[in-house]
């Protein structure tokens, strides 16, 4: 309803909320009606768990709000 593809909105919210950068799948010709993203995960090994925890928390909140 914001005039943005769902995957773009998700990626933008993730970046603004957590600092984690992903690329919306719509830029890669995804199948209509599906949503995905691409990412390269490159944090230092000691930071990996924290990054994945932030991603999980964001995703769960996002899905609860926009389902």
Protein backbone atom coordinates (compact mmCIF):
# COMPACT_ATOMS: atom_id res chain seq x y z
CA UNK A 1 0.00 0.00 0.00
CA UNK A 2 3.06 2.27 0.15
CA UNK A 3 3.71 1.98 -3.58
CA UNK A 4 6.82 -0.15 -3.02
CA UNK A 5 7.40 -3.81 -3.83
CA UNK A 6 7.13 -5.87 -0.63
CA UNK A 7 10.71 -7.13 -0.85
CA UNK A 8 12.05 -3.59 -1.33
CA UNK A 9 10.07 -2.39 1.70
CA UNK A 10 11.40 -5.30 3.79
CA UNK A 11 15.00 -4.60 2.74
CA UNK A 12 14.67 -0.89 3.46
CA UNK A 13 13.13 -1.48 6.89
CA UNK A 14 15.81 -4.05 7.75
CA UNK A 15 18.59 -1.62 6.83
CA UNK A 16 17.04 1.31 8.70
CA UNK A 17 16.26 -0.77 11.79
CA UNK A 18 19.34 -2.98 12.10
CA UNK A 19 22.01 -1.74 9.70
CA UNK A 20 21.87 -5.11 7.89
CA UNK A 21 21.94 -4.71 4.11
CA UNK A 22 20.17 -7.10 1.74
CA UNK A 23 19.18 -6.79 -1.93
CA UNK A 24 15.49 -7.17 -2.86
CA UNK A 25 14.84 -10.19 -5.06
CA UNK A 26 12.60 -8.19 -7.39
CA UNK A 27 15.75 -6.82 -8.98
CA UNK A 28 16.64 -10.34 -10.11
CA UNK A 29 13.41 -11.26 -11.88
CA UNK A 30 11.76 -13.26 -9.13
CA UNK A 31 8.63 -15.25 -9.89
CA UNK A 32 5.50 -13.09 -9.54
CA UNK A 33 3.77 -13.54 -6.20
CA UNK A 34 6.97 -14.61 -4.43
CA UNK A 35 9.40 -12.57 -2.38
CA UNK A 36 13.03 -13.15 -1.57
CA UNK A 37 16.30 -11.32 -1.11
CA UNK A 38 19.99 -11.82 -1.68
CA UNK A 39 22.75 -11.03 0.75
CA UNK A 40 26.39 -11.63 1.48
CA UNK A 41 27.03 -12.20 5.16
CA UNK A 42 30.53 -11.01 6.01
CA UNK A 43 30.71 -10.02 9.68
CA UNK A 44 33.70 -11.03 11.72
CA UNK A 45 33.10 -14.47 13.25
CA UNK A 46 32.68 -12.95 16.72
CA UNK A 47 29.87 -10.71 15.39
CA UNK A 48 27.95 -13.40 13.47
CA UNK A 49 25.63 -14.48 16.31
CA UNK A 50 24.71 -10.88 17.16
CA UNK A 51 23.96 -10.08 13.51
CA UNK A 52 21.81 -13.19 13.08
CA UNK A 53 19.97 -12.44 16.35
CA UNK A 54 19.19 -8.88 15.16
CA UNK A 55 18.00 -10.26 11.82
CA UNK A 56 15.74 -12.81 13.53
CA UNK A 57 14.24 -10.24 15.93
CA UNK A 58 13.57 -7.84 13.06
CA UNK A 59 12.02 -10.55 10.88
CA UNK A 60 9.69 -11.78 13.62
CA UNK A 61 8.50 -8.23 14.42
CA UNK A 62 8.07 -7.40 10.73
CA UNK A 63 6.01 -10.51 10.06
CA UNK A 64 3.82 -9.90 13.12
CA UNK A 65 3.15 -6.33 12.00
CA UNK A 66 2.57 -6.89 8.27
CA UNK A 67 1.08 -10.40 7.98
